[in-house]
Amino acid sequence: MQGLGPLFVFIIIVLVVTNTIKLLREWERGVVLRLGKFQAVRGPGITFVIPGIERMYRVNTRVITVDVPPQDIITKDNITLKVHAVVFFHIFSPRETIINVEDWYAATYQKAQTVLRNVLGQFELDDLLAQIDSINHRLQSILDAETGQWGIKVDAVEVKHVDLPQEMQRAMAKQAEAERERRSKIIAAEGEYQASTRLAEAADIMGRHPITLQLRYLQTLSEIAVENNSTVIFPLPLDLVRPFLEMQERVGRV
């Protein structure tokens, strides 16, 4: 029994020291309450807490990621979607985080879900898909204003995925196909217009300079001779052979 006395004292000393000396890592802060009243924010490093009188709450100041599960959203044009988002935030004031909210992580999680549904419900589907970056900034701004009183700074909100109904996906695919066909017809019509304009200009030049028509005629004969092995009967224009006929007449007169 006498040997148990020193061991019991040693155990008590170890427990007291363990509850007195706290080691806070670089990203941790300790919110210390003395007799239930806020005393100080301590850390990082070694800090001392008076057992039975002071109590310390550890707070992680690193960036925390909240994965918001798919939320059912009804857009302004009455289309039901499932939207999946991610929230990035960190604690900038450990005192407000411990004192002003009971469970800061759950509170931020629930607030992110509510803000996501409320904000996205104000947009039509086309605007939601086209303005996703500005919507992310708007979500971040609204959520940051809500969580600031809890000592939490929202760094970013990112909409990861928008799940459309099957019938809406088919309708959008048909719309995209119709748009591509429309653009194809416009491009083809523009090409025909440019080609006709060039042909009109060429005809005007040939009308003012008849020799160019004869040169084009000879060039066409040369291309046909190279590309085709069959015999082609091609009528010669009278203007092309007239100089030779006139020369023959002059020789006959002499």
Protein backbone atom coordinates (compact mmCIF):
# COMPACT_ATOMS: atom_id res chain seq x y z
CA MET A 1 0.00 0.00 0.00
CA GLN A 2 2.86 2.34 0.75
CA GLY A 3 4.19 1.89 -2.82
CA LEU A 4 0.86 2.95 -4.31
CA GLY A 5 1.01 6.39 -2.69
CA PRO A 6 3.88 7.84 -4.79
CA LEU A 7 2.42 6.23 -7.94
CA PHE A 8 -0.95 7.83 -7.27
CA VAL A 9 0.70 11.22 -6.76
CA PHE A 10 2.68 10.77 -9.96
CA ILE A 11 -0.48 9.98 -11.92
CA ILE A 12 -2.20 13.06 -10.51
CA ILE A 13 0.79 15.22 -11.47
CA VAL A 14 0.79 13.81 -15.02
CA LEU A 15 -2.94 14.50 -15.41
CA VAL A 16 -2.56 18.05 -14.12
CA VAL A 17 0.37 18.75 -16.44
CA THR A 18 -1.49 17.22 -19.39
CA ASN A 19 -4.52 19.41 -18.79
CA THR A 20 -2.38 22.47 -18.14
CA ILE A 21 0.05 22.42 -21.06
CA LYS A 22 -1.48 22.57 -24.55
CA LEU A 23 0.40 22.42 -27.84
CA LEU A 24 -1.21 24.30 -30.72
CA ARG A 25 0.05 23.67 -34.24
CA GLU A 26 0.72 26.43 -36.75
CA TRP A 27 -2.79 26.38 -38.21
CA GLU A 28 -4.55 26.05 -34.83
CA ARG A 29 -5.79 28.69 -32.43
CA GLY A 30 -7.11 28.17 -28.92
CA VAL A 31 -10.12 30.14 -27.65
CA VAL A 32 -9.78 30.22 -23.86
CA LEU A 33 -12.76 30.77 -21.56
CA ARG A 34 -12.14 31.49 -17.87
CA LEU A 35 -15.08 30.59 -15.66
CA GLY A 36 -17.27 30.67 -18.78
CA LYS A 37 -16.11 34.12 -19.89
CA PHE A 38 -13.93 34.81 -22.91
CA GLN A 39 -10.33 35.31 -21.90
CA ALA A 40 -8.07 35.21 -24.97
CA VAL A 41 -7.20 33.62 -28.32
CA ARG A 42 -3.88 31.82 -27.98
CA GLY A 43 -1.45 29.99 -30.22
CA PRO A 44 0.29 28.67 -32.11
CA GLY A 45 2.84 26.98 -29.86
CA ILE A 46 2.71 26.01 -26.20
CA THR A 47 0.00 27.56 -24.05
CA PHE A 48 -1.04 27.02 -20.44
CA VAL A 49 -4.59 26.45 -19.22
CA ILE A 50 -5.62 26.48 -15.55
CA PRO A 51 -7.43 23.16 -14.89
CA GLY A 52 -10.95 23.53 -13.58
CA ILE A 53 -10.96 27.28 -14.16
CA GLU A 54 -10.10 27.71 -17.83
CA ARG A 55 -11.28 25.75 -20.85
CA MET A 56 -9.74 25.91 -24.33
CA TYR A 57 -11.48 25.25 -27.66
CA ARG A 58 -9.27 24.38 -30.63
CA VAL A 59 -10.05 26.08 -33.95
CA ASN A 60 -8.64 25.07 -37.35
CA THR A 61 -7.82 28.17 -39.45
CA ARG A 62 -6.96 26.30 -42.68
CA VAL A 63 -9.22 26.39 -45.75
CA ILE A 64 -12.10 23.95 -45.33
CA THR A 65 -14.05 22.38 -48.18
CA VAL A 66 -17.78 21.74 -47.94
CA ASP A 67 -19.22 19.47 -50.62
CA VAL A 68 -22.85 20.54 -51.06
CA PRO A 69 -24.85 17.53 -52.33
CA PRO A 70 -27.16 17.89 -55.36
CA GLN A 71 -29.98 20.32 -54.62
CA ASP A 72 -33.35 20.37 -56.39
CA ILE A 73 -33.64 23.77 -58.06
CA ILE A 74 -36.68 25.20 -59.85
CA THR A 75 -35.52 27.87 -62.29
CA LYS A 76 -37.40 31.04 -63.12
CA ASP A 77 -38.83 29.37 -66.24
CA ASN A 78 -40.11 26.40 -64.15
CA ILE A 79 -37.47 23.82 -65.05
CA THR A 80 -36.38 21.39 -62.33
CA LEU A 81 -32.63 20.83 -62.02
CA LYS A 82 -30.19 19.14 -59.68
CA VAL A 83 -27.19 21.36 -58.91
CA HIS A 84 -24.01 20.20 -57.18
CA ALA A 85 -21.66 22.80 -55.66
CA VAL A 86 -18.53 23.13 -53.51
CA VAL A 87 -17.83 25.84 -50.90
CA PHE A 88 -14.32 26.89 -49.78
CA PHE A 89 -14.02 28.88 -46.53
CA HIS A 90 -11.75 29.52 -43.56
CA ILE A 91 -12.10 30.89 -40.04
CA PHE A 92 -10.66 34.38 -39.68
CA SER A 93 -11.98 35.15 -36.17
CA PRO A 94 -11.88 32.15 -33.81
CA ARG A 95 -13.59 34.15 -31.04
CA GLU A 96 -16.79 34.76 -33.08
CA THR A 97 -16.72 31.19 -34.38
CA ILE A 98 -16.81 29.72 -30.86
CA ILE A 99 -19.03 32.29 -29.17
CA ASN A 100 -21.61 33.21 -31.84
CA VAL A 101 -22.52 29.80 -33.28
CA GLU A 102 -22.89 26.39 -31.66
CA ASP A 103 -21.80 24.19 -34.61
CA TRP A 104 -20.08 26.42 -37.15
CA TYR A 105 -19.50 23.63 -39.71
CA ALA A 106 -23.14 22.48 -39.74
CA ALA A 107 -24.33 26.09 -39.82
CA THR A 108 -22.17 26.89 -42.85
CA TYR A 109 -23.26 23.68 -44.57
CA GLN A 110 -26.96 24.42 -44.12
CA LYS A 111 -26.54 28.06 -45.10
CA ALA A 112 -24.75 27.03 -48.32
CA GLN A 113 -27.66 24.79 -49.29
CA THR A 114 -30.23 27.53 -48.64
CA VAL A 115 -28.32 30.23 -50.55
CA LEU A 116 -27.72 27.88 -53.47
CA ARG A 117 -31.44 27.13 -53.86
CA ASN A 118 -32.55 30.73 -53.41
CA VAL A 119 -30.07 32.32 -55.81
CA LEU A 120 -30.24 29.78 -58.64
CA GLY A 121 -34.04 29.87 -58.54
CA GLN A 122 -33.89 33.51 -59.69
CA PHE A 123 -32.38 32.62 -63.09
CA GLU A 124 -33.80 31.10 -66.24
CA LEU A 125 -32.09 27.97 -67.54
CA ASP A 126 -30.27 29.64 -70.43
CA ASP A 127 -28.96 32.44 -68.22
CA LEU A 128 -27.90 29.94 -65.53
CA LEU A 129 -25.83 27.93 -68.00
CA ALA A 130 -24.37 30.98 -69.76
CA GLN A 131 -23.51 33.07 -66.67
CA ILE A 132 -22.13 30.37 -64.37
CA ASP A 133 -19.02 32.41 -63.45
CA SER A 134 -20.96 35.50 -62.40
CA ILE A 135 -23.40 33.26 -60.50
CA ASN A 136 -20.47 31.71 -58.60
CA HIS A 137 -19.30 35.18 -57.55
CA ARG A 138 -22.81 36.14 -56.49
CA LEU A 139 -23.16 32.98 -54.39
CA GLN A 140 -19.80 33.67 -52.74
CA SER A 141 -20.73 37.28 -51.95
CA ILE A 142 -24.12 36.42 -50.42
CA LEU A 143 -22.83 33.46 -48.41
CA ASP A 144 -19.83 35.44 -47.16
CA ALA A 145 -22.13 38.20 -45.88
CA GLU A 146 -24.21 35.61 -44.01
CA THR A 147 -21.28 33.81 -42.35
CA GLY A 148 -19.22 36.90 -41.50
CA GLN A 149 -20.94 37.18 -38.11
CA TRP A 150 -19.65 33.71 -37.31
CA GLY A 151 -16.04 34.68 -37.99
CA ILE A 152 -16.04 32.67 -41.24
CA LYS A 153 -14.76 33.98 -44.59
CA VAL A 154 -16.13 32.29 -47.72
CA ASP A 155 -13.32 32.21 -50.27
CA ALA A 156 -15.20 30.72 -53.23
CA VAL A 157 -18.32 28.90 -54.31
CA GLU A 158 -18.11 26.68 -57.39
CA VAL A 159 -21.08 25.07 -59.14
CA LYS A 160 -19.60 21.71 -60.17
CA HIS A 161 -22.43 20.12 -62.09
CA VAL A 162 -25.92 20.93 -63.39
CA ASP A 163 -28.00 17.81 -63.98
CA LEU A 164 -30.70 18.42 -66.61
CA PRO A 165 -33.77 16.20 -67.10
CA GLN A 166 -33.56 13.76 -70.03
CA GLU A 167 -36.33 15.48 -71.99
CA MET A 168 -34.58 18.84 -71.55
CA GLN A 169 -31.30 17.36 -72.77
CA ARG A 170 -33.02 16.06 -75.91
CA ALA A 171 -34.70 19.41 -76.50
CA MET A 172 -31.39 21.25 -76.13
CA ALA A 173 -29.70 18.78 -78.49
CA LYS A 174 -32.38 19.42 -81.13
CA GLN A 175 -32.02 23.15 -80.63
CA ALA A 176 -28.25 22.96 -81.04
CA GLU A 177 -28.63 20.84 -84.20
CA ALA A 178 -31.10 23.34 -85.67
CA GLU A 179 -28.72 26.18 -84.86
CA ARG A 180 -25.81 24.39 -86.57
CA GLU A 181 -27.98 23.75 -89.66
CA ARG A 182 -29.00 27.41 -89.75
CA ARG A 183 -25.39 28.53 -89.59
CA SER A 184 -24.44 26.04 -92.32
CA LYS A 185 -27.12 27.44 -94.64
CA ILE A 186 -26.02 31.00 -93.93
CA ILE A 187 -22.40 30.12 -94.72
CA ALA A 188 -23.44 28.35 -97.94
CA ALA A 189 -25.59 31.30 -99.01
CA GLU A 190 -22.75 33.70 -98.24
CA GLY A 191 -20.43 31.58 -100.36
CA GLU A 192 -22.89 31.60 -103.28
CA TYR A 193 -23.23 35.36 -103.00
CA GLN A 194 -19.48 35.90 -103.05
CA ALA A 195 -19.08 33.48 -105.99
CA SER A 196 -21.81 35.23 -108.01
CA THR A 197 -20.23 38.61 -107.25
CA ARG A 198 -16.87 37.39 -108.52
CA LEU A 199 -18.46 35.90 -111.65
CA ALA A 200 -20.22 39.19 -112.37
CA GLU A 201 -16.92 41.04 -112.03
CA ALA A 202 -15.21 38.52 -114.33
CA ALA A 203 -17.98 38.87 -116.93
CA ASP A 204 -17.64 42.63 -116.82
CA ILE A 205 -13.88 42.41 -117.39
CA MET A 206 -14.30 39.94 -120.25
CA GLY A 207 -16.93 42.23 -121.82
CA ARG A 208 -14.50 45.13 -121.80
CA HIS A 209 -11.55 42.99 -122.95
CA PRO A 210 -12.68 40.24 -125.40
CA ILE A 211 -9.18 38.79 -125.64
CA THR A 212 -9.47 37.52 -122.06
CA LEU A 213 -12.40 35.34 -123.12
CA GLN A 214 -10.30 33.75 -125.86
CA LEU A 215 -7.44 33.14 -123.42
CA ARG A 216 -9.85 31.51 -120.96
CA TYR A 217 -11.16 29.38 -123.80
CA LEU A 218 -7.69 28.11 -124.65
CA GLN A 219 -6.96 27.45 -120.97
CA THR A 220 -10.11 25.35 -120.70
CA LEU A 221 -9.06 23.31 -123.76
CA SER A 222 -5.66 22.69 -122.18
CA GLU A 223 -7.25 21.51 -118.87
CA ILE A 224 -9.61 19.16 -120.68
CA ALA A 225 -6.74 17.68 -122.69
CA VAL A 226 -4.73 16.96 -119.53
CA GLU A 227 -7.52 15.62 -117.30
CA ASN A 228 -9.44 13.50 -119.80
CA ASN A 229 -8.15 10.71 -122.07
CA SER A 230 -11.28 10.56 -124.22
CA THR A 231 -11.84 12.48 -127.43
CA VAL A 232 -13.69 15.75 -126.96
CA ILE A 233 -15.30 17.69 -129.83
CA PHE A 234 -15.12 21.32 -128.82
CA PRO A 235 -16.48 24.07 -131.16
CA LEU A 236 -14.02 26.88 -131.86
CA PRO A 237 -15.30 30.44 -131.68
CA LEU A 238 -15.19 32.33 -134.95
CA ASP A 239 -13.19 35.18 -133.44
CA LEU A 240 -10.39 32.75 -132.68
CA VAL A 241 -9.96 31.48 -136.28
CA ARG A 242 -10.87 34.68 -138.13
CA PRO A 243 -7.24 36.02 -138.25
CA PHE A 244 -6.13 32.79 -139.96
CA LEU A 245 -8.97 33.00 -142.55
CA GLU A 246 -8.12 36.61 -143.35
CA MET A 247 -4.45 35.69 -143.79
CA GLN A 248 -5.42 32.88 -146.20
CA GLU A 249 -7.53 35.29 -148.29
CA ARG A 250 -4.67 37.75 -148.62
CA VAL A 251 -2.33 35.00 -149.75
CA GLY A 252 -4.86 33.87 -152.37
CA ARG A 253 -5.17 37.35 -153.81
CA VAL A 254 -1.46 37.67 -154.26
